[in-house]
Protein backbone atom coordinates (compact mmCIF):
# COMPACT_ATOMS: atom_id res chain seq x y z
CA UNK A 1 142.18 -65.79 -216.52
CA UNK A 2 143.71 -68.03 -219.15
CA UNK A 3 140.52 -70.10 -219.48
CA UNK A 4 138.61 -67.03 -220.75
CA UNK A 5 140.76 -66.64 -223.87
CA UNK A 6 139.70 -68.29 -227.16
CA UNK A 7 142.35 -70.51 -228.64
CA UNK A 8 142.10 -72.78 -225.65
CA UNK A 9 139.49 -75.59 -225.87
CA UNK A 10 135.94 -74.41 -225.09
CA UNK A 11 133.36 -76.90 -223.89
CA UNK A 12 129.72 -76.40 -222.96
CA UNK A 13 126.42 -78.16 -223.51
CA UNK A 14 122.67 -77.56 -223.62
CA UNK A 15 120.10 -80.10 -222.50
CA UNK A 16 116.56 -78.84 -223.12
CA UNK A 17 113.23 -80.25 -224.23
CA UNK A 18 109.76 -78.93 -224.99
CA UNK A 19 106.33 -79.78 -226.34
CA UNK A 20 104.76 -77.47 -228.92
CA UNK A 21 100.98 -77.30 -229.29
CA UNK A 22 98.21 -75.50 -231.16
CA UNK A 23 94.44 -75.17 -230.68
CA UNK A 24 92.23 -73.44 -233.23
CA UNK A 25 88.63 -72.73 -234.14
CA UNK A 26 87.30 -71.91 -237.63
CA UNK A 27 83.87 -70.55 -238.46
CA UNK A 28 82.52 -70.11 -242.01
CA UNK A 29 80.14 -67.17 -242.23
CA UNK A 30 79.41 -68.23 -245.81
CA UNK A 31 81.22 -69.93 -248.71
CA UNK A 32 83.64 -67.02 -249.14
CA UNK A 33 84.25 -65.79 -245.58
CA UNK A 34 86.18 -67.57 -242.83
CA UNK A 35 86.68 -66.39 -239.27
CA UNK A 36 89.37 -68.08 -237.22
CA UNK A 37 91.16 -67.97 -233.89
CA UNK A 38 94.26 -69.85 -232.76
CA UNK A 39 96.29 -70.28 -229.60
CA UNK A 40 99.67 -71.97 -229.92
CA UNK A 41 102.99 -72.39 -228.20
CA UNK A 42 106.26 -72.82 -230.03
CA UNK A 43 109.96 -72.87 -229.20
CA UNK A 44 113.23 -71.73 -230.68
CA UNK A 45 116.08 -74.01 -229.67
CA UNK A 46 118.79 -72.76 -227.40
CA UNK A 47 122.00 -72.13 -229.27
CA UNK A 48 125.64 -71.17 -229.18
CA UNK A 49 126.66 -67.86 -230.79
CA UNK A 50 128.14 -68.01 -234.28
CA UNK A 51 130.39 -64.97 -234.00
CA UNK A 52 134.07 -64.22 -233.73
CA UNK A 53 134.86 -64.20 -230.04
CA UNK A 54 137.49 -62.29 -228.10
CA UNK A 55 136.71 -64.12 -224.84
CA UNK A 56 134.83 -67.25 -223.85
CA UNK A 57 132.02 -65.19 -222.36
CA UNK A 58 130.90 -64.49 -225.96
CA UNK A 59 130.59 -68.22 -226.62
CA UNK A 60 128.21 -69.00 -223.75
CA UNK A 61 124.93 -70.50 -224.98
CA UNK A 62 121.46 -69.02 -224.57
CA UNK A 63 118.53 -71.16 -223.46
CA UNK A 64 115.54 -71.92 -225.66
CA UNK A 65 112.92 -69.23 -226.11
CA UNK A 66 109.19 -69.86 -226.07
CA UNK A 67 106.28 -67.93 -227.49
CA UNK A 68 102.60 -68.30 -226.72
CA UNK A 69 100.70 -66.84 -229.68
CA UNK A 70 97.10 -65.66 -229.69
CA UNK A 71 95.64 -64.84 -233.12
CA UNK A 72 92.24 -64.02 -234.57
CA UNK A 73 91.47 -63.14 -238.15
CA UNK A 74 89.31 -63.20 -241.23
CA UNK A 75 89.79 -64.51 -244.77
CA UNK A 76 87.27 -63.32 -247.33
CA UNK A 77 86.91 -63.34 -251.11
CA UNK A 78 84.56 -61.50 -253.48
CA UNK A 79 83.61 -61.45 -257.15
CA UNK A 80 84.51 -65.04 -257.93
CA UNK A 81 87.76 -64.77 -255.91
CA UNK A 82 89.03 -61.85 -257.98
CA UNK A 83 89.29 -59.86 -254.74
CA UNK A 84 90.68 -61.45 -251.58
CA UNK A 85 91.04 -59.82 -248.19
CA UNK A 86 92.92 -61.28 -245.22
CA UNK A 87 93.33 -59.58 -241.84
CA UNK A 88 94.49 -60.70 -238.42
CA UNK A 89 95.35 -59.37 -235.01
CA UNK A 90 97.80 -61.18 -232.77
CA UNK A 91 99.56 -61.13 -229.41
CA UNK A 92 102.87 -62.94 -228.87
CA UNK A 93 103.97 -63.61 -225.29
CA UNK A 94 107.72 -64.40 -225.25
CA UNK A 95 109.79 -66.03 -222.53
CA UNK A 96 113.60 -65.95 -222.78
CA UNK A 97 113.62 -64.34 -226.23
CA UNK A 98 117.07 -64.56 -227.82
CA UNK A 99 118.58 -61.25 -228.92
CA UNK A 100 122.05 -59.78 -229.38
CA UNK A 101 123.19 -57.94 -226.28
CA UNK A 102 126.33 -56.47 -224.77
CA UNK A 103 128.77 -57.48 -222.05
CA UNK A 104 131.56 -55.48 -220.43
CA UNK A 105 135.17 -56.56 -220.78
CA UNK A 106 138.30 -55.19 -219.06
CA UNK A 107 140.30 -55.17 -222.31
CA UNK A 108 137.75 -54.51 -225.09
CA UNK A 109 135.37 -52.46 -222.86
CA UNK A 110 132.26 -53.90 -224.52
CA UNK A 111 131.55 -57.12 -226.43
CA UNK A 112 128.57 -58.48 -228.38
CA UNK A 113 126.94 -61.58 -226.92
CA UNK A 114 123.68 -63.50 -227.25
CA UNK A 115 121.33 -62.96 -224.30
CA UNK A 116 117.91 -64.12 -223.14
CA UNK A 117 115.27 -61.47 -222.45
CA UNK A 118 113.20 -63.05 -219.64
CA UNK A 119 109.85 -61.53 -220.67
CA UNK A 120 108.68 -59.59 -223.73
CA UNK A 121 105.63 -59.28 -225.94
CA UNK A 122 104.48 -58.21 -229.39
CA UNK A 123 101.00 -56.95 -230.25
CA UNK A 124 100.22 -56.53 -233.92
CA UNK A 125 97.74 -56.40 -236.75
CA UNK A 126 98.19 -57.20 -240.42
CA UNK A 127 96.05 -56.95 -243.52
CA UNK A 128 96.45 -57.96 -247.15
CA UNK A 129 94.34 -57.14 -250.20
CA UNK A 130 94.77 -59.09 -253.44
CA UNK A 131 93.03 -58.03 -256.64
CA UNK A 132 93.01 -59.75 -260.04
CA UNK A 133 91.58 -57.09 -262.39
CA UNK A 134 92.67 -58.89 -265.58
CA UNK A 135 93.48 -62.47 -266.45
CA UNK A 136 97.07 -63.10 -265.44
CA UNK A 137 97.48 -59.83 -263.51
CA UNK A 138 97.62 -59.94 -259.71
CA UNK A 139 97.99 -56.82 -257.55
CA UNK A 140 98.79 -57.23 -253.85
CA UNK A 141 99.13 -54.73 -251.04
CA UNK A 142 99.79 -55.51 -247.39
CA UNK A 143 100.56 -53.63 -244.19
CA UNK A 144 101.67 -54.68 -240.71
CA UNK A 145 101.61 -52.81 -237.42
CA UNK A 146 103.80 -54.04 -234.55
CA UNK A 147 103.95 -52.79 -230.98
CA UNK A 148 106.75 -54.68 -229.24
CA UNK A 149 107.88 -54.25 -225.65
CA UNK A 150 110.57 -55.68 -223.41
CA UNK A 151 108.86 -56.32 -220.09
CA UNK A 152 111.77 -57.63 -218.03
CA UNK A 153 115.46 -57.36 -218.91
CA UNK A 154 118.44 -55.61 -217.33
CA UNK A 155 121.60 -55.65 -219.42
CA UNK A 156 124.53 -53.60 -220.66
CA UNK A 157 123.98 -50.62 -222.98
CA UNK A 158 126.31 -49.30 -225.71
CA UNK A 159 128.06 -47.10 -223.12
CA UNK A 160 129.03 -50.23 -221.14
CA UNK A 161 126.63 -49.27 -218.34
CA UNK A 162 124.02 -51.45 -216.66
CA UNK A 163 120.51 -50.47 -217.79
CA UNK A 164 116.93 -51.62 -217.28
CA UNK A 165 115.50 -52.06 -220.79
CA UNK A 166 111.88 -52.62 -219.68
CA UNK A 167 109.56 -50.60 -221.92
CA UNK A 168 111.95 -50.58 -224.90
CA UNK A 169 110.99 -52.09 -228.27
CA UNK A 170 112.48 -55.40 -229.37
CA UNK A 171 115.15 -55.15 -232.09
CA UNK A 172 114.01 -55.44 -235.73
CA UNK A 173 110.32 -54.77 -235.01
CA UNK A 174 109.40 -51.62 -236.97
CA UNK A 175 106.14 -50.00 -235.94
CA UNK A 176 104.80 -50.03 -239.52
CA UNK A 177 105.81 -51.99 -242.59
CA UNK A 178 104.14 -52.58 -245.93
CA UNK A 179 104.50 -54.20 -249.33
CA UNK A 180 103.15 -53.58 -252.80
CA UNK A 181 103.45 -56.20 -255.52
CA UNK A 182 102.32 -56.55 -259.13
CA UNK A 183 102.63 -59.85 -260.97
CA UNK A 184 101.66 -60.69 -264.55
CA UNK A 185 101.67 -64.25 -265.85
CA UNK A 186 101.22 -65.26 -269.44
CA UNK A 187 101.74 -68.36 -271.54
CA UNK A 188 104.63 -68.52 -273.99
CA UNK A 189 103.97 -70.56 -277.09
CA UNK A 190 106.57 -73.21 -277.80
CA UNK A 191 107.19 -75.17 -280.92
CA UNK A 192 109.34 -78.19 -281.64
CA UNK A 193 111.01 -78.92 -284.90
CA UNK A 194 112.75 -81.91 -286.33
């Protein structure tokens, strides 16, 4: 079909709207310890792919994604704030999450496209410890655990076959990740001359 070949004019539009919201509760155990919980909903706008396309099917837009986020955590400090500890657990409930998928093509066999995953979720925990043992020296360590799952999505796999991806992890969600950081700040004396 001639209308499927880029080089011809391509026209499409998206008309979507949403209302984001957030509700939270904070509780101070004492001057240095805060417990909190939040529930929020946010959106990522629908979009058109920004990739080189062989056919118009690769240029079709995806609809907006939404996430309802549930989070609870603690922020605590000790020894005159020289030690700080933050930890949280969270659950993200996604609708129409935007990811890169595949589509079959009679000429190229398989093409990359943007797709919406109807339902997916991420459960995770994260923790960070910050220590200032000396004036100007800050040591930070953090770790994150993510358990992501596609709950509803049937698409095309890398072999150009239809596949039910329910139970698979979302792309770019490693099970464990971490970071170590050391920072030292000091003043540099400056002088001005005439």
